[in-house]
């Protein structure tokens, strides 16, 4: 046992990660709501403005969907293999599971938080001066977003590689469990 998590219990590790991601999205959401009173321009204006503000909106939605729900659904896959099929993650599959856990969480958090930051900052400069913006054009706002495109792409690649490697780990473990079941049946 490591803390309350049994060694090899991948479903528990992924559920802990989903809970942490859920806590982060809750803190983020509270910051947005409370920020409505103190932050100028308000996030609601950035979202309503659309345009570059869509980066913020898409980043937030994708963080909830992939960062929280996607990680929790991954836990269900691990639970099925570990508890329903009683399959153990050994050898390369164990390393693939660690890679899945780390790369998925780092990738989605990095990509979406940069999207939210970039979307807010770019939309902010496009808003009229009387509501706290700078009144810049879309082309000028693009200069705010441009430096973030490659880091966001890199984080998305990290996320995708983590998910693919996790899927390979699922297949390896599933296949090994089927071999074990056939041998046990004789």
N, C-alpha and C. Protein backbone atom coordinates (compact mmCIF):
# COMPACT_ATOMS: atom_id res chain seq x y z
N UNK A 1 0.84 -1.20 0.00
CA UNK A 1 0.00 0.00 0.00
C UNK A 1 0.88 1.25 0.00
N UNK A 2 0.50 2.21 -0.81
CA UNK A 2 1.12 3.53 -0.82
C UNK A 2 0.02 4.49 -0.42
N UNK A 3 0.06 4.98 0.82
CA UNK A 3 -1.06 5.78 1.31
C UNK A 3 -2.27 4.87 1.36
N UNK A 4 -3.37 5.29 0.76
CA UNK A 4 -4.58 4.47 0.68
C UNK A 4 -4.72 3.79 -0.67
N UNK A 5 -3.71 3.91 -1.52
CA UNK A 5 -3.79 3.33 -2.86
C UNK A 5 -2.93 2.07 -2.91
N UNK A 6 -3.56 0.95 -3.23
CA UNK A 6 -2.82 -0.30 -3.35
C UNK A 6 -1.92 -0.21 -4.57
N UNK A 7 -0.69 -0.72 -4.43
CA UNK A 7 0.23 -0.73 -5.56
C UNK A 7 -0.39 -1.57 -6.67
N UNK A 8 -0.44 -1.02 -7.87
CA UNK A 8 -1.05 -1.71 -8.99
C UNK A 8 -2.52 -1.38 -9.19
N UNK A 9 -3.08 -0.55 -8.35
CA UNK A 9 -4.49 -0.21 -8.46
C UNK A 9 -4.65 1.05 -9.32
N UNK A 10 -4.63 0.85 -10.62
CA UNK A 10 -4.65 1.97 -11.56
C UNK A 10 -5.97 2.71 -11.56
N UNK A 11 -7.07 2.01 -11.34
CA UNK A 11 -8.36 2.71 -11.30
C UNK A 11 -8.38 3.72 -10.17
N UNK A 12 -7.79 3.39 -9.04
CA UNK A 12 -7.73 4.34 -7.92
C UNK A 12 -6.85 5.54 -8.26
N UNK A 13 -5.74 5.29 -8.90
CA UNK A 13 -4.84 6.39 -9.28
C UNK A 13 -5.54 7.36 -10.23
N UNK A 14 -6.26 6.82 -11.20
CA UNK A 14 -6.95 7.68 -12.15
C UNK A 14 -8.12 8.41 -11.49
N UNK A 15 -8.81 7.77 -10.54
CA UNK A 15 -9.89 8.46 -9.83
C UNK A 15 -9.33 9.60 -8.98
N UNK A 16 -8.19 9.38 -8.33
CA UNK A 16 -7.56 10.45 -7.56
C UNK A 16 -7.20 11.61 -8.50
N UNK A 17 -6.67 11.29 -9.67
CA UNK A 17 -6.34 12.34 -10.65
C UNK A 17 -7.59 13.08 -11.10
N UNK A 18 -8.70 12.36 -11.32
CA UNK A 18 -9.95 13.00 -11.72
C UNK A 18 -10.48 13.90 -10.61
N UNK A 19 -10.33 13.48 -9.37
CA UNK A 19 -10.77 14.30 -8.23
C UNK A 19 -9.92 15.57 -8.15
N UNK A 20 -8.62 15.43 -8.35
CA UNK A 20 -7.74 16.61 -8.33
C UNK A 20 -8.11 17.56 -9.48
N UNK A 21 -8.33 17.01 -10.66
CA UNK A 21 -8.74 17.84 -11.80
C UNK A 21 -10.08 18.51 -11.52
N UNK A 22 -11.00 17.79 -10.88
CA UNK A 22 -12.29 18.36 -10.50
C UNK A 22 -12.14 19.50 -9.51
N UNK A 23 -11.22 19.33 -8.56
CA UNK A 23 -10.94 20.40 -7.60
C UNK A 23 -10.39 21.63 -8.32
N UNK A 24 -9.46 21.41 -9.25
CA UNK A 24 -8.89 22.53 -10.00
C UNK A 24 -9.95 23.26 -10.83
N UNK A 25 -10.87 22.51 -11.46
CA UNK A 25 -11.91 23.17 -12.25
C UNK A 25 -12.89 23.91 -11.34
N UNK A 26 -13.10 23.40 -10.14
CA UNK A 26 -13.96 24.10 -9.18
C UNK A 26 -13.32 25.41 -8.75
N UNK A 27 -12.03 25.37 -8.43
CA UNK A 27 -11.30 26.59 -8.06
C UNK A 27 -11.30 27.58 -9.22
N UNK A 28 -11.06 27.09 -10.42
CA UNK A 28 -11.08 27.94 -11.61
C UNK A 28 -12.45 28.59 -11.80
N UNK A 29 -13.51 27.79 -11.67
CA UNK A 29 -14.86 28.31 -11.85
C UNK A 29 -15.19 29.36 -10.79
N UNK A 30 -14.84 29.09 -9.54
CA UNK A 30 -15.07 30.08 -8.48
C UNK A 30 -14.28 31.36 -8.75
N UNK A 31 -13.06 31.21 -9.25
CA UNK A 31 -12.26 32.39 -9.58
C UNK A 31 -12.92 33.22 -10.68
N UNK A 32 -13.49 32.55 -11.65
CA UNK A 32 -14.17 33.25 -12.74
C UNK A 32 -15.40 33.98 -12.20
N UNK A 33 -16.20 33.29 -11.38
CA UNK A 33 -17.43 33.88 -10.85
C UNK A 33 -17.11 35.05 -9.93
N UNK A 34 -16.19 34.85 -9.00
CA UNK A 34 -15.81 35.93 -8.07
C UNK A 34 -15.11 37.06 -8.83
N UNK A 35 -14.34 36.70 -9.84
CA UNK A 35 -13.65 37.69 -10.65
C UNK A 35 -14.58 38.63 -11.39
N UNK A 36 -15.83 38.21 -11.57
CA UNK A 36 -16.81 39.09 -12.22
C UNK A 36 -16.93 40.43 -11.49
N UNK A 37 -16.68 40.41 -10.19
CA UNK A 37 -16.80 41.64 -9.40
C UNK A 37 -15.52 42.47 -9.40
N UNK A 38 -14.37 41.82 -9.63
CA UNK A 38 -13.10 42.51 -9.42
C UNK A 38 -12.21 42.61 -10.65
N UNK A 39 -12.34 41.71 -11.61
CA UNK A 39 -11.44 41.67 -12.76
C UNK A 39 -12.06 42.46 -13.91
N UNK A 40 -11.28 43.34 -14.49
CA UNK A 40 -11.75 44.12 -15.64
C UNK A 40 -10.84 43.85 -16.83
N UNK A 41 -11.34 43.55 -17.98
CA UNK A 41 -12.73 43.29 -18.27
C UNK A 41 -13.16 41.92 -17.73
N UNK A 42 -14.43 41.82 -17.43
CA UNK A 42 -14.98 40.60 -16.86
C UNK A 42 -14.88 39.45 -17.87
N UNK A 43 -14.73 38.24 -17.33
CA UNK A 43 -14.66 37.06 -18.19
C UNK A 43 -15.95 36.91 -19.00
N UNK A 44 -17.07 37.29 -18.42
CA UNK A 44 -18.35 37.19 -19.15
C UNK A 44 -18.32 38.03 -20.42
N UNK A 45 -17.66 39.18 -20.38
CA UNK A 45 -17.55 40.02 -21.59
C UNK A 45 -16.67 39.33 -22.64
N UNK A 46 -15.61 38.71 -22.18
CA UNK A 46 -14.71 38.00 -23.09
C UNK A 46 -15.44 36.85 -23.77
N UNK A 47 -16.23 36.11 -22.98
CA UNK A 47 -16.98 34.98 -23.53
C UNK A 47 -18.06 35.48 -24.50
N UNK A 48 -18.80 36.51 -24.09
CA UNK A 48 -19.87 37.05 -24.92
C UNK A 48 -19.33 37.67 -26.20
N UNK A 49 -18.12 38.21 -26.15
CA UNK A 49 -17.52 38.86 -27.30
C UNK A 49 -17.24 37.85 -28.42
N UNK A 50 -16.99 36.60 -28.05
CA UNK A 50 -16.68 35.59 -29.06
C UNK A 50 -15.28 35.80 -29.60
N UNK A 51 -15.09 35.63 -30.89
CA UNK A 51 -13.80 35.84 -31.55
C UNK A 51 -12.69 35.14 -30.78
N UNK A 52 -11.68 35.87 -30.36
CA UNK A 52 -10.56 35.27 -29.62
C UNK A 52 -11.02 34.70 -28.28
N UNK A 53 -12.12 35.23 -27.75
CA UNK A 53 -12.67 34.72 -26.50
C UNK A 53 -13.13 33.28 -26.59
N UNK A 54 -13.35 32.79 -27.82
CA UNK A 54 -13.72 31.38 -27.99
C UNK A 54 -12.60 30.45 -27.55
N UNK A 55 -11.36 30.92 -27.63
CA UNK A 55 -10.26 30.11 -27.13
C UNK A 55 -10.45 29.86 -25.64
N UNK A 56 -10.87 30.89 -24.91
CA UNK A 56 -11.13 30.73 -23.48
C UNK A 56 -12.25 29.71 -23.28
N UNK A 57 -13.36 29.91 -24.00
CA UNK A 57 -14.52 29.04 -23.84
C UNK A 57 -14.18 27.59 -24.18
N UNK A 58 -13.52 27.37 -25.30
CA UNK A 58 -13.17 26.00 -25.69
C UNK A 58 -12.17 25.38 -24.72
N UNK A 59 -11.23 26.17 -24.24
CA UNK A 59 -10.28 25.67 -23.25
C UNK A 59 -10.98 25.21 -21.99
N UNK A 60 -11.93 26.00 -21.52
CA UNK A 60 -12.67 25.66 -20.30
C UNK A 60 -13.50 24.39 -20.51
N UNK A 61 -14.24 24.35 -21.60
CA UNK A 61 -15.09 23.18 -21.87
C UNK A 61 -14.24 21.92 -22.03
N UNK A 62 -13.15 22.01 -22.78
CA UNK A 62 -12.29 20.84 -22.98
C UNK A 62 -11.62 20.40 -21.69
N UNK A 63 -11.32 21.34 -20.81
CA UNK A 63 -10.73 20.97 -19.52
C UNK A 63 -11.72 20.15 -18.71
N UNK A 64 -12.98 20.58 -18.70
CA UNK A 64 -14.00 19.83 -17.97
C UNK A 64 -14.21 18.46 -18.61
N UNK A 65 -14.35 18.43 -19.93
CA UNK A 65 -14.68 17.18 -20.63
C UNK A 65 -13.52 16.18 -20.59
N UNK A 66 -12.33 16.61 -20.97
CA UNK A 66 -11.19 15.68 -21.03
C UNK A 66 -10.46 15.61 -19.69
N UNK A 67 -10.22 16.75 -19.08
CA UNK A 67 -9.44 16.78 -17.84
C UNK A 67 -10.12 16.14 -16.66
N UNK A 68 -11.43 16.29 -16.56
CA UNK A 68 -12.15 15.71 -15.43
C UNK A 68 -12.87 14.43 -15.86
N UNK A 69 -13.77 14.56 -16.82
CA UNK A 69 -14.59 13.41 -17.22
C UNK A 69 -13.75 12.35 -17.94
N UNK A 70 -12.86 12.77 -18.83
CA UNK A 70 -12.01 11.81 -19.55
C UNK A 70 -11.10 11.01 -18.64
N UNK A 71 -10.54 11.67 -17.64
CA UNK A 71 -9.67 10.97 -16.69
C UNK A 71 -10.50 10.00 -15.85
N UNK A 72 -11.71 10.41 -15.45
CA UNK A 72 -12.58 9.52 -14.68
C UNK A 72 -13.01 8.31 -15.52
N UNK A 73 -13.30 8.52 -16.80
CA UNK A 73 -13.67 7.40 -17.67
C UNK A 73 -12.48 6.46 -17.86
N UNK A 74 -11.28 7.00 -17.93
CA UNK A 74 -10.09 6.14 -18.00
C UNK A 74 -10.03 5.24 -16.77
N UNK A 75 -10.40 5.78 -15.62
CA UNK A 75 -10.42 4.98 -14.39
C UNK A 75 -11.37 3.79 -14.54
N UNK A 76 -12.48 3.98 -15.24
CA UNK A 76 -13.43 2.88 -15.45
C UNK A 76 -12.82 1.76 -16.29
N UNK A 77 -12.04 2.13 -17.31
CA UNK A 77 -11.35 1.11 -18.12
C UNK A 77 -10.38 0.30 -17.25
N UNK A 78 -9.61 1.02 -16.44
CA UNK A 78 -8.67 0.33 -15.56
C UNK A 78 -9.41 -0.54 -14.55
N UNK A 79 -10.53 -0.04 -14.04
CA UNK A 79 -11.32 -0.82 -13.08
C UNK A 79 -11.82 -2.12 -13.73
N UNK A 80 -12.30 -2.02 -14.96
CA UNK A 80 -12.77 -3.21 -15.67
C UNK A 80 -11.66 -4.25 -15.79
N UNK A 81 -10.49 -3.82 -16.21
CA UNK A 81 -9.38 -4.76 -16.38
C UNK A 81 -8.92 -5.33 -15.05
N UNK A 82 -8.76 -4.46 -14.06
CA UNK A 82 -8.18 -4.90 -12.78
C UNK A 82 -9.16 -5.66 -11.90
N UNK A 83 -10.41 -5.24 -11.88
CA UNK A 83 -11.35 -5.82 -10.92
C UNK A 83 -12.33 -6.80 -11.55
N UNK A 84 -12.80 -6.52 -12.75
CA UNK A 84 -13.73 -7.45 -13.40
C UNK A 84 -12.98 -8.63 -14.01
N UNK A 85 -11.91 -8.33 -14.75
CA UNK A 85 -11.13 -9.40 -15.37
C UNK A 85 -10.00 -9.89 -14.48
N UNK A 86 -9.79 -9.23 -13.36
CA UNK A 86 -8.67 -9.49 -12.43
C UNK A 86 -7.33 -9.56 -13.16
N UNK A 87 -7.15 -8.66 -14.08
CA UNK A 87 -5.89 -8.58 -14.85
C UNK A 87 -4.92 -7.67 -14.11
N UNK A 88 -3.66 -8.07 -14.10
CA UNK A 88 -2.63 -7.27 -13.43
C UNK A 88 -1.80 -6.53 -14.47
N UNK A 89 -1.50 -5.30 -14.15
CA UNK A 89 -0.61 -4.51 -15.01
C UNK A 89 0.82 -4.86 -14.62
N UNK A 90 1.51 -5.57 -15.54
CA UNK A 90 2.89 -5.99 -15.29
C UNK A 90 3.77 -5.56 -16.45
N UNK A 91 5.06 -5.49 -16.17
CA UNK A 91 6.03 -5.23 -17.23
C UNK A 91 5.76 -3.93 -17.96
N UNK A 92 5.77 -4.02 -19.29
CA UNK A 92 5.61 -2.83 -20.13
C UNK A 92 4.26 -2.16 -19.91
N UNK A 93 3.22 -2.95 -19.64
CA UNK A 93 1.88 -2.38 -19.43
C UNK A 93 1.86 -1.43 -18.24
N UNK A 94 2.64 -1.76 -17.21
CA UNK A 94 2.72 -0.90 -16.03
C UNK A 94 3.34 0.45 -16.40
N UNK A 95 4.39 0.43 -17.19
CA UNK A 95 5.02 1.68 -17.63
C UNK A 95 4.09 2.48 -18.54
N UNK A 96 3.34 1.78 -19.38
CA UNK A 96 2.38 2.45 -20.25
C UNK A 96 1.27 3.11 -19.44
N UNK A 97 0.85 2.46 -18.36
CA UNK A 97 -0.18 3.05 -17.50
C UNK A 97 0.33 4.32 -16.82
N UNK A 98 1.58 4.27 -16.31
CA UNK A 98 2.17 5.48 -15.71
C UNK A 98 2.26 6.60 -16.74
N UNK A 99 2.68 6.24 -17.94
CA UNK A 99 2.80 7.23 -19.01
C UNK A 99 1.43 7.84 -19.32
N UNK A 100 0.41 7.00 -19.38
CA UNK A 100 -0.95 7.46 -19.63
C UNK A 100 -1.38 8.45 -18.55
N UNK A 101 -1.20 8.08 -17.31
CA UNK A 101 -1.62 8.92 -16.19
C UNK A 101 -0.93 10.28 -16.22
N UNK A 102 0.36 10.28 -16.36
CA UNK A 102 1.13 11.53 -16.30
C UNK A 102 0.92 12.38 -17.54
N UNK A 103 1.08 11.77 -18.71
CA UNK A 103 1.00 12.56 -19.95
C UNK A 103 -0.41 13.08 -20.22
N UNK A 104 -1.42 12.29 -19.91
CA UNK A 104 -2.79 12.76 -20.13
C UNK A 104 -3.09 13.97 -19.26
N UNK A 105 -2.73 13.89 -17.99
CA UNK A 105 -3.03 14.99 -17.07
C UNK A 105 -2.20 16.23 -17.35
N UNK A 106 -0.92 16.06 -17.62
CA UNK A 106 -0.07 17.21 -17.95
C UNK A 106 -0.51 17.83 -19.27
N UNK A 107 -0.78 17.00 -20.27
CA UNK A 107 -1.16 17.49 -21.59
C UNK A 107 -2.45 18.28 -21.58
N UNK A 108 -3.49 17.74 -20.96
CA UNK A 108 -4.79 18.43 -20.98
C UNK A 108 -4.74 19.70 -20.14
N UNK A 109 -4.07 19.65 -19.01
CA UNK A 109 -3.99 20.84 -18.16
C UNK A 109 -3.20 21.94 -18.87
N UNK A 110 -2.05 21.60 -19.42
CA UNK A 110 -1.23 22.60 -20.10
C UNK A 110 -1.93 23.21 -21.30
N UNK A 111 -2.53 22.37 -22.14
CA UNK A 111 -3.18 22.87 -23.36
C UNK A 111 -4.37 23.75 -23.04
N UNK A 112 -5.23 23.29 -22.17
CA UNK A 112 -6.47 24.04 -21.92
C UNK A 112 -6.24 25.30 -21.11
N UNK A 113 -5.33 25.26 -20.16
CA UNK A 113 -5.08 26.47 -19.37
C UNK A 113 -4.40 27.53 -20.23
N UNK A 114 -3.53 27.12 -21.14
CA UNK A 114 -2.95 28.10 -22.07
C UNK A 114 -4.01 28.64 -23.02
N UNK A 115 -4.94 27.79 -23.45
CA UNK A 115 -6.03 28.27 -24.31
C UNK A 115 -6.88 29.30 -23.57
N UNK A 116 -7.20 29.02 -22.31
CA UNK A 116 -8.01 29.96 -21.54
C UNK A 116 -7.27 31.28 -21.34
N UNK A 117 -6.01 31.19 -20.97
CA UNK A 117 -5.21 32.40 -20.77
C UNK A 117 -5.12 33.21 -22.06
N UNK A 118 -4.75 32.55 -23.15
CA UNK A 118 -4.60 33.24 -24.43
C UNK A 118 -5.91 33.82 -24.92
N UNK A 119 -6.99 33.07 -24.77
CA UNK A 119 -8.30 33.55 -25.21
C UNK A 119 -8.74 34.78 -24.43
N UNK A 120 -8.50 34.75 -23.11
CA UNK A 120 -8.87 35.92 -22.30
C UNK A 120 -8.04 37.13 -22.69
N UNK A 121 -6.73 36.95 -22.77
CA UNK A 121 -5.85 38.08 -23.07
C UNK A 121 -6.10 38.65 -24.47
N UNK A 122 -6.31 37.78 -25.46
CA UNK A 122 -6.53 38.25 -26.83
C UNK A 122 -7.88 38.95 -26.96
N UNK A 123 -8.91 38.38 -26.34
CA UNK A 123 -10.23 39.03 -26.41
C UNK A 123 -10.23 40.33 -25.62
N UNK A 124 -9.49 40.36 -24.54
CA UNK A 124 -9.41 41.58 -23.71
C UNK A 124 -8.88 42.75 -24.52
N UNK A 125 -7.87 42.54 -25.32
CA UNK A 125 -7.30 43.65 -26.09
C UNK A 125 -8.22 44.09 -27.23
N UNK A 126 -9.15 43.22 -27.63
CA UNK A 126 -10.09 43.57 -28.70
C UNK A 126 -11.32 44.32 -28.19
N UNK A 127 -11.63 44.18 -26.90
CA UNK A 127 -12.81 44.85 -26.36
C UNK A 127 -12.65 46.36 -26.42
N UNK A 128 -13.76 47.09 -26.49
CA UNK A 128 -13.68 48.56 -26.48
C UNK A 128 -13.04 49.08 -25.19
N UNK A 129 -12.41 50.21 -25.28
CA UNK A 129 -11.72 50.82 -24.14
C UNK A 129 -12.68 51.10 -23.00
N UNK A 130 -13.92 51.49 -23.30
CA UNK A 130 -14.87 51.85 -22.24
C UNK A 130 -15.29 50.68 -21.35
N UNK A 131 -14.99 49.43 -21.75
CA UNK A 131 -15.30 48.27 -20.90
C UNK A 131 -14.03 47.58 -20.40
N UNK A 132 -12.90 48.24 -20.55
CA UNK A 132 -11.65 47.69 -20.02
C UNK A 132 -10.73 47.07 -21.04
N UNK A 133 -11.10 47.11 -22.31
CA UNK A 133 -10.25 46.57 -23.35
C UNK A 133 -9.31 47.62 -23.90
N UNK A 134 -8.62 47.25 -24.97
CA UNK A 134 -7.71 48.19 -25.62
C UNK A 134 -8.21 48.63 -26.99
N UNK A 135 -9.31 48.04 -27.47
CA UNK A 135 -9.87 48.42 -28.75
C UNK A 135 -9.02 48.06 -29.95
N UNK A 136 -8.20 47.00 -29.84
CA UNK A 136 -7.33 46.61 -30.95
C UNK A 136 -8.09 45.76 -31.96
N UNK A 137 -7.50 45.61 -33.13
CA UNK A 137 -8.11 44.80 -34.19
C UNK A 137 -7.81 43.32 -33.98
N UNK A 138 -8.50 42.48 -34.76
CA UNK A 138 -8.27 41.03 -34.69
C UNK A 138 -6.83 40.69 -35.06
N UNK A 139 -6.28 41.40 -36.03
CA UNK A 139 -4.89 41.14 -36.44
C UNK A 139 -3.92 41.46 -35.29
N UNK A 140 -4.20 42.54 -34.58
CA UNK A 140 -3.34 42.90 -33.44
C UNK A 140 -3.51 41.91 -32.29
N UNK A 141 -4.74 41.43 -32.10
CA UNK A 141 -4.99 40.44 -31.06
C UNK A 141 -4.31 39.11 -31.38
N UNK A 142 -4.17 38.83 -32.67
CA UNK A 142 -3.50 37.59 -33.09
C UNK A 142 -2.07 37.54 -32.55
N UNK A 143 -1.45 38.70 -32.41
CA UNK A 143 -0.09 38.75 -31.87
C UNK A 143 -0.04 38.28 -30.43
N UNK A 144 -1.15 38.38 -29.72
CA UNK A 144 -1.23 37.88 -28.35
C UNK A 144 -1.31 36.35 -28.37
N UNK A 145 -2.09 35.80 -29.29
CA UNK A 145 -2.30 34.35 -29.37
C UNK A 145 -1.16 33.60 -30.05
N UNK A 146 -0.53 34.21 -31.02
CA UNK A 146 0.47 33.52 -31.85
C UNK A 146 1.56 32.81 -31.04
N UNK A 147 2.13 33.44 -30.00
CA UNK A 147 3.18 32.74 -29.26
C UNK A 147 2.69 31.52 -28.47
N UNK A 148 1.38 31.40 -28.30
CA UNK A 148 0.84 30.28 -27.51
C UNK A 148 0.48 29.07 -28.36
N UNK A 149 0.41 29.24 -29.67
CA UNK A 149 -0.05 28.16 -30.54
C UNK A 149 0.85 26.93 -30.45
N UNK A 150 2.14 27.10 -30.56
CA UNK A 150 3.06 25.95 -30.53
C UNK A 150 3.09 25.26 -29.16
N UNK A 151 3.14 26.00 -28.04
CA UNK A 151 3.06 25.32 -26.75
C UNK A 151 1.74 24.55 -26.56
N UNK A 152 0.63 25.14 -27.02
CA UNK A 152 -0.65 24.43 -26.93
C UNK A 152 -0.59 23.16 -27.77
N UNK A 153 -0.07 23.25 -28.98
CA UNK A 153 0.06 22.07 -29.84
C UNK A 153 0.95 21.01 -29.19
N UNK A 154 2.03 21.45 -28.56
CA UNK A 154 2.93 20.50 -27.89
C UNK A 154 2.21 19.78 -26.75
N UNK A 155 1.43 20.52 -25.97
CA UNK A 155 0.67 19.89 -24.88
C UNK A 155 -0.38 18.93 -25.43
N UNK A 156 -1.01 19.26 -26.55
CA UNK A 156 -1.99 18.36 -27.16
C UNK A 156 -1.30 17.08 -27.64
N UNK A 157 -0.11 17.20 -28.18
CA UNK A 157 0.65 16.01 -28.59
C UNK A 157 0.99 15.16 -27.37
N UNK A 158 1.40 15.79 -26.28
CA UNK A 158 1.69 15.06 -25.03
C UNK A 158 0.43 14.31 -24.59
N UNK A 159 -0.71 14.99 -24.59
CA UNK A 159 -1.98 14.36 -24.23
C UNK A 159 -2.28 13.17 -25.13
N UNK A 160 -2.19 13.36 -26.44
CA UNK A 160 -2.53 12.30 -27.40
C UNK A 160 -1.60 11.10 -27.25
N UNK A 161 -0.31 11.35 -27.10
CA UNK A 161 0.65 10.25 -26.93
C UNK A 161 0.33 9.48 -25.65
N UNK A 162 0.02 10.20 -24.58
CA UNK A 162 -0.34 9.54 -23.32
C UNK A 162 -1.56 8.66 -23.46
N UNK A 163 -2.58 9.15 -24.14
CA UNK A 163 -3.81 8.37 -24.33
C UNK A 163 -3.55 7.15 -25.21
N UNK A 164 -2.80 7.33 -26.28
CA UNK A 164 -2.49 6.20 -27.18
C UNK A 164 -1.67 5.14 -26.44
N UNK A 165 -0.66 5.57 -25.69
CA UNK A 165 0.15 4.60 -24.94
C UNK A 165 -0.68 3.90 -23.88
N UNK A 166 -1.60 4.63 -23.25
CA UNK A 166 -2.51 4.01 -22.30
C UNK A 166 -3.39 2.97 -22.97
N UNK A 167 -3.86 3.28 -24.18
CA UNK A 167 -4.66 2.32 -24.94
C UNK A 167 -3.88 1.07 -25.30
N UNK A 168 -2.62 1.25 -25.64
CA UNK A 168 -1.76 0.08 -25.92
C UNK A 168 -1.60 -0.74 -24.64
N UNK A 169 -1.42 -0.07 -23.52
CA UNK A 169 -1.34 -0.78 -22.23
C UNK A 169 -2.61 -1.55 -21.92
N UNK A 170 -3.79 -0.95 -22.23
CA UNK A 170 -5.06 -1.67 -22.06
C UNK A 170 -5.05 -2.94 -22.88
N UNK A 171 -4.67 -2.83 -24.16
CA UNK A 171 -4.70 -3.98 -25.06
C UNK A 171 -3.73 -5.07 -24.61
N UNK A 172 -2.53 -4.67 -24.19
CA UNK A 172 -1.54 -5.65 -23.72
C UNK A 172 -2.08 -6.39 -22.50
N UNK A 173 -2.62 -5.65 -21.55
CA UNK A 173 -3.14 -6.26 -20.32
C UNK A 173 -4.35 -7.13 -20.61
N UNK A 174 -5.25 -6.65 -21.45
CA UNK A 174 -6.43 -7.43 -21.82
C UNK A 174 -6.03 -8.73 -22.50
N UNK A 175 -5.12 -8.63 -23.44
CA UNK A 175 -4.66 -9.82 -24.17
C UNK A 175 -4.01 -10.82 -23.21
N UNK A 176 -3.17 -10.33 -22.32
CA UNK A 176 -2.54 -11.22 -21.34
C UNK A 176 -3.58 -11.88 -20.43
N UNK A 177 -4.62 -11.13 -20.06
CA UNK A 177 -5.65 -11.71 -19.19
C UNK A 177 -6.44 -12.78 -19.93
N UNK A 178 -6.66 -12.60 -21.23
CA UNK A 178 -7.38 -13.60 -22.02
C UNK A 178 -6.55 -14.88 -22.14
N UNK A 179 -5.23 -14.73 -22.31
CA UNK A 179 -4.34 -15.90 -22.37
C UNK A 179 -4.40 -16.65 -21.05
N UNK A 180 -4.35 -15.91 -19.95
CA UNK A 180 -4.39 -16.52 -18.62
C UNK A 180 -5.71 -17.25 -18.41
N UNK A 181 -6.81 -16.66 -18.86
CA UNK A 181 -8.12 -17.29 -18.70
C UNK A 181 -8.21 -18.57 -19.53
N UNK A 182 -7.65 -18.57 -20.75
CA UNK A 182 -7.67 -19.78 -21.59
C UNK A 182 -6.84 -20.89 -20.96
N UNK A 183 -5.69 -20.52 -20.40
CA UNK A 183 -4.83 -21.53 -19.76
C UNK A 183 -5.52 -22.10 -18.54
N UNK A 184 -6.19 -21.24 -17.76
CA UNK A 184 -6.88 -21.68 -16.56
C UNK A 184 -8.03 -22.63 -16.89
N UNK A 185 -8.71 -22.39 -18.01
CA UNK A 185 -9.83 -23.25 -18.41
C UNK A 185 -9.34 -24.58 -18.97
N UNK A 186 -8.07 -24.60 -19.38
CA UNK A 186 -7.46 -25.83 -19.87
C UNK A 186 -7.65 -26.01 -21.29
